[in-house]
């Protein structure tokens, strides 16, 4: 089972929909899980409400928004599992999108979701995470070591520079909207790593990628684990995650996973 973990609401639509679309259009059956088994819609400020004059820069772009609308019409989206109903032993792949608005905490702080992530990492099935989604892995504890499942791995996530810049641009109007926690994502994730150098922030100036501009995106691959920073990396992330899942499972309809895809190759650029 390929599973997307979603919070009760407020996730980033680009970060969920582009990887979903890549898998779905390749013929994979993708399931969803939410805290209570009810459909989870994305952050409506990103899809509908906007940010006044900042909307052209901060709202979800047309292509990803169309993919999100298509995802919400999928019957699987309308009938998610609850976290408690997920048997991690059945997973062939796991994906964790991010989001920064308040209700995304229902995913990041969920012990059942953390256990699902920990087992997926332990079994070395393809695991993808982006932005705040990497926090779930940082908080997921390997029962064998008592440490985060990211300890000893390389990763990226939303950088402090990106998080604080968005907050400064919007805080007079939206307060803490862009500050999910007092500690930045980069700082918390880095604290879970074996070496601070295992966090790769990517280029200082982030550029949005696109279907024909994949090289603008930034991802980090460590074995079967793939991470990215923000929605602007997600066209690249989606294509690389699709390749990992295809290699691990043998493709749509194949019986079971064939093991983790690739070896630890660090930064993917």
Protein backbone atom coordinates (compact mmCIF):
# COMPACT_ATOMS: atom_id res chain seq x y z
CA UNK A 1 0.00 0.00 0.00
CA UNK A 2 1.29 3.44 -0.98
CA UNK A 3 0.11 5.79 1.77
CA UNK A 4 -0.06 9.58 2.05
CA UNK A 5 -0.33 10.82 5.63
CA UNK A 6 -2.44 13.97 5.88
CA UNK A 7 -3.37 16.10 8.92
CA UNK A 8 -7.00 16.93 9.66
CA UNK A 9 -6.52 20.03 7.44
CA UNK A 10 -4.07 22.84 6.56
CA UNK A 11 -1.44 20.93 4.58
CA UNK A 12 0.19 22.50 1.54
CA UNK A 13 -1.74 21.46 -1.60
CA UNK A 14 1.30 21.51 -3.89
CA UNK A 15 3.31 19.27 -1.58
CA UNK A 16 0.59 16.62 -1.51
CA UNK A 17 -0.88 16.87 -4.99
CA UNK A 18 2.20 16.83 -7.22
CA UNK A 19 3.62 13.56 -5.78
CA UNK A 20 0.10 12.08 -5.79
CA UNK A 21 -0.44 13.07 -9.43
CA UNK A 22 2.90 11.56 -10.51
CA UNK A 23 2.02 8.23 -8.86
CA UNK A 24 -1.64 8.22 -9.89
CA UNK A 25 -0.90 9.06 -13.52
CA UNK A 26 1.68 6.27 -13.62
CA UNK A 27 -1.03 3.81 -12.56
CA UNK A 28 -0.28 3.42 -8.85
CA UNK A 29 -3.07 3.03 -6.31
CA UNK A 30 -2.52 5.66 -3.62
CA UNK A 31 -4.32 5.58 -0.26
CA UNK A 32 -4.67 8.35 2.32
CA UNK A 33 -4.79 8.39 6.11
CA UNK A 34 -5.96 11.17 8.42
CA UNK A 35 -6.27 11.41 12.22
CA UNK A 36 -9.95 10.42 12.29
CA UNK A 37 -10.57 8.85 8.88
CA UNK A 38 -12.33 11.93 7.48
CA UNK A 39 -11.24 13.67 4.25
CA UNK A 40 -8.62 16.34 4.84
CA UNK A 41 -8.62 19.50 2.79
CA UNK A 42 -5.63 21.74 2.31
CA UNK A 43 -4.91 25.17 3.78
CA UNK A 44 -7.69 27.30 2.30
CA UNK A 45 -5.58 30.45 2.43
CA UNK A 46 -3.30 28.79 -0.12
CA UNK A 47 -6.17 27.62 -2.34
CA UNK A 48 -8.91 30.24 -1.96
CA UNK A 49 -8.48 33.07 0.55
CA UNK A 50 -5.13 34.44 -0.52
CA UNK A 51 -2.73 36.99 0.94
CA UNK A 52 -3.84 40.32 -0.53
CA UNK A 53 -1.02 41.81 -2.62
CA UNK A 54 1.27 38.88 -1.75
CA UNK A 55 -1.09 36.32 -3.31
CA UNK A 56 0.83 35.98 -6.61
CA UNK A 57 3.90 34.87 -4.64
CA UNK A 58 2.37 32.87 -1.78
CA UNK A 59 -0.77 31.20 -3.12
CA UNK A 60 -0.71 27.82 -4.85
CA UNK A 61 0.13 28.08 -8.56
CA UNK A 62 -2.27 27.06 -11.32
CA UNK A 63 -0.79 23.68 -12.27
CA UNK A 64 -0.42 22.35 -8.72
CA UNK A 65 -3.85 23.75 -7.81
CA UNK A 66 -5.41 21.81 -10.69
CA UNK A 67 -3.62 18.67 -9.48
CA UNK A 68 -4.98 19.28 -5.98
CA UNK A 69 -8.54 19.67 -7.26
CA UNK A 70 -8.14 16.41 -9.15
CA UNK A 71 -6.77 14.67 -6.06
CA UNK A 72 -9.79 15.74 -3.98
CA UNK A 73 -12.09 14.12 -6.55
CA UNK A 74 -10.33 10.78 -6.27
CA UNK A 75 -12.50 8.21 -4.43
CA UNK A 76 -9.51 7.22 -2.29
CA UNK A 77 -9.22 10.80 -1.05
CA UNK A 78 -12.86 10.78 -0.03
CA UNK A 79 -12.50 7.56 1.99
CA UNK A 80 -9.24 7.78 3.94
CA UNK A 81 -8.11 5.42 6.65
CA UNK A 82 -7.58 6.69 10.16
CA UNK A 83 -4.01 6.58 11.48
CA UNK A 84 -5.11 3.89 13.92
CA UNK A 85 -6.37 1.66 11.11
CA UNK A 86 -3.06 1.62 9.25
CA UNK A 87 -1.00 -1.56 9.48
CA UNK A 88 2.56 -0.34 8.82
CA UNK A 89 3.58 -3.85 7.76
CA UNK A 90 1.42 -3.45 4.65
CA UNK A 91 3.15 -0.29 3.43
CA UNK A 92 5.14 -0.35 0.21
CA UNK A 93 5.74 3.42 0.28
CA UNK A 94 4.96 6.43 2.49
CA UNK A 95 4.72 10.13 1.72
CA UNK A 96 4.41 13.03 4.18
CA UNK A 97 3.59 16.50 2.84
CA UNK A 98 4.07 19.64 4.87
CA UNK A 99 2.08 22.71 5.80
CA UNK A 100 2.44 25.43 8.39
CA UNK A 101 -1.09 26.50 9.43
CA UNK A 102 -2.30 25.36 12.87
CA UNK A 103 -4.14 22.13 12.07
CA UNK A 104 -1.07 20.54 10.49
CA UNK A 105 -0.05 19.83 14.09
CA UNK A 106 -2.64 17.04 14.14
CA UNK A 107 -0.20 15.08 11.96
CA UNK A 108 3.13 16.26 13.31
CA UNK A 109 2.23 15.62 16.96
CA UNK A 110 0.41 12.31 16.41
CA UNK A 111 2.05 9.32 18.08
CA UNK A 112 0.28 6.84 15.74
CA UNK A 113 1.54 8.78 12.71
CA UNK A 114 5.04 8.85 14.17
CA UNK A 115 4.92 5.07 14.65
CA UNK A 116 3.83 4.58 11.04
CA UNK A 117 6.75 6.71 9.87
CA UNK A 118 9.22 4.93 12.14
CA UNK A 119 8.25 1.49 10.84
CA UNK A 120 8.34 2.63 7.22
CA UNK A 121 11.88 3.94 7.72
CA UNK A 122 12.91 0.76 9.54
CA UNK A 123 11.61 -1.38 6.69
CA UNK A 124 13.39 0.82 4.13
CA UNK A 125 10.35 1.31 1.92
CA UNK A 126 10.40 4.54 -0.12
CA UNK A 127 9.64 7.45 2.20
CA UNK A 128 9.19 10.99 0.92
CA UNK A 129 8.78 14.12 3.02
CA UNK A 130 8.80 17.84 2.34
CA UNK A 131 8.81 21.04 4.35
CA UNK A 132 7.15 20.55 7.78
CA UNK A 133 6.53 16.90 6.88
CA UNK A 134 10.16 16.20 7.73
CA UNK A 135 9.32 17.12 11.34
CA UNK A 136 7.23 13.96 11.60
CA UNK A 137 10.31 11.89 10.81
CA UNK A 138 12.49 13.94 13.15
CA UNK A 139 10.00 13.15 15.93
CA UNK A 140 9.58 9.48 15.00
CA UNK A 141 11.65 7.32 17.33
CA UNK A 142 13.46 4.17 16.29
CA UNK A 143 12.54 1.72 19.10
CA UNK A 144 15.86 -0.06 18.67
CA UNK A 145 17.98 3.01 19.34
CA UNK A 146 15.65 5.42 21.15
CA UNK A 147 16.73 8.10 18.67
CA UNK A 148 15.02 9.81 15.79
CA UNK A 149 14.77 7.74 12.60
CA UNK A 150 16.70 10.60 10.95
CA UNK A 151 19.70 10.11 13.23
CA UNK A 152 22.57 9.10 10.95
CA UNK A 153 20.79 10.20 7.78
CA UNK A 154 21.05 13.20 5.48
CA UNK A 155 18.01 15.35 4.89
CA UNK A 156 16.67 18.72 3.98
CA UNK A 157 13.47 20.47 5.10
CA UNK A 158 12.04 23.98 5.22
CA UNK A 159 15.03 26.17 6.02
CA UNK A 160 15.04 28.79 8.76
CA UNK A 161 15.79 31.48 6.19
CA UNK A 162 12.71 30.57 4.14
CA UNK A 163 10.43 30.15 7.17
CA UNK A 164 11.41 33.41 8.84
CA UNK A 165 11.27 35.40 5.60
CA UNK A 166 7.67 34.30 4.98
CA UNK A 167 6.79 35.12 8.59
CA UNK A 168 8.33 38.61 8.41
CA UNK A 169 6.43 39.37 5.20
CA UNK A 170 3.06 38.40 6.70
CA UNK A 171 3.25 38.77 10.47
CA UNK A 172 1.65 42.24 10.69
CA UNK A 173 -1.44 40.93 8.90
CA UNK A 174 -1.42 37.22 9.83
CA UNK A 175 0.51 37.03 13.10
CA UNK A 176 2.07 33.61 13.67
CA UNK A 177 0.51 32.01 10.58
CA UNK A 178 3.93 31.12 9.20
CA UNK A 179 5.34 30.09 12.59
CA UNK A 180 3.86 26.67 13.39
CA UNK A 181 6.22 26.32 16.36
CA UNK A 182 8.54 28.76 18.17
CA UNK A 183 11.49 26.66 16.98
CA UNK A 184 12.07 26.67 13.24
CA UNK A 185 11.78 23.46 11.26
CA UNK A 186 15.46 23.48 10.34
CA UNK A 187 16.55 23.88 13.93
CA UNK A 188 14.38 21.03 15.25
CA UNK A 189 15.28 18.68 12.41
CA UNK A 190 18.99 19.43 12.77
CA UNK A 191 18.81 18.65 16.49
CA UNK A 192 17.60 15.14 15.63
CA UNK A 193 20.53 14.39 13.33
CA UNK A 194 23.81 12.69 14.17
CA UNK A 195 25.75 15.63 12.71
CA UNK A 196 24.47 19.16 11.93
CA UNK A 197 26.25 18.86 8.59
CA UNK A 198 23.71 16.15 7.67
CA UNK A 199 21.17 18.93 7.09
CA UNK A 200 21.48 20.29 3.54
CA UNK A 201 19.84 23.73 3.15
CA UNK A 202 20.28 23.95 -0.61
CA UNK A 203 20.87 27.16 -2.58
CA UNK A 204 20.50 30.41 -0.65
CA UNK A 205 18.15 31.81 -3.30
CA UNK A 206 15.33 29.27 -3.82
CA UNK A 207 13.85 29.12 -7.31
CA UNK A 208 10.58 27.39 -8.09
CA UNK A 209 10.94 24.38 -10.29
CA UNK A 210 8.46 23.29 -12.95
CA UNK A 211 7.70 20.38 -15.27
CA UNK A 212 10.45 21.55 -17.63
CA UNK A 213 12.67 23.10 -14.97
CA UNK A 214 13.33 20.21 -12.63
CA UNK A 215 16.91 21.28 -12.02
CA UNK A 216 15.67 24.32 -10.11
CA UNK A 217 14.30 22.03 -7.43
CA UNK A 218 16.42 20.80 -4.55
CA UNK A 219 16.10 17.38 -2.95
CA UNK A 220 18.21 15.15 -0.74
CA UNK A 221 18.17 11.39 -1.13
CA UNK A 222 19.51 8.98 1.46
CA UNK A 223 18.81 5.43 0.34
CA UNK A 224 15.03 5.06 0.05
CA UNK A 225 14.41 8.33 1.90
CA UNK A 226 13.83 11.48 -0.17
CA UNK A 227 13.28 14.98 1.19
CA UNK A 228 12.67 18.49 -0.11
CA UNK A 229 12.30 21.99 1.31
CA UNK A 230 9.17 23.74 0.00
CA UNK A 231 6.50 23.70 -2.73
CA UNK A 232 9.03 25.09 -5.19
CA UNK A 233 10.93 21.77 -5.09
CA UNK A 234 7.91 19.54 -5.65
CA UNK A 235 7.98 18.91 -9.39
CA UNK A 236 11.46 17.48 -8.94
CA UNK A 237 10.47 15.70 -5.74
CA UNK A 238 7.44 14.10 -7.43
CA UNK A 239 9.46 12.68 -10.32
CA UNK A 240 12.22 11.36 -8.07
CA UNK A 241 9.73 9.82 -5.63
CA UNK A 242 7.92 8.14 -8.51
CA UNK A 243 11.23 6.64 -9.64
CA UNK A 244 11.95 5.36 -6.12
CA UNK A 245 8.53 3.76 -5.78
CA UNK A 246 8.70 2.22 -9.24
CA UNK A 247 12.12 0.72 -8.55
CA UNK A 248 11.07 -0.59 -5.14
CA UNK A 249 7.74 -2.11 -6.16
CA UNK A 250 8.39 -3.17 -9.74
CA UNK A 251 5.71 -0.79 -10.97
CA UNK A 252 1.92 -0.54 -10.71
CA UNK A 253 0.25 -3.86 -10.01
CA UNK A 254 3.46 -5.62 -9.00
CA UNK A 255 3.13 -7.98 -6.03
CA UNK A 256 4.79 -6.35 -3.04
CA UNK A 257 7.90 -4.25 -2.70
CA UNK A 258 11.22 -5.26 -4.11
CA UNK A 259 13.16 -3.54 -1.34
CA UNK A 260 14.63 -0.09 -0.95
CA UNK A 261 15.64 1.76 -4.07
CA UNK A 262 19.32 2.61 -4.35
CA UNK A 263 22.03 3.22 -1.84
CA UNK A 264 22.89 6.28 0.23
CA UNK A 265 23.90 8.86 -2.34
CA UNK A 266 23.48 11.98 -0.22
CA UNK A 267 22.43 15.18 -1.94
CA UNK A 268 20.44 14.90 -5.14
CA UNK A 269 20.84 17.82 -7.55
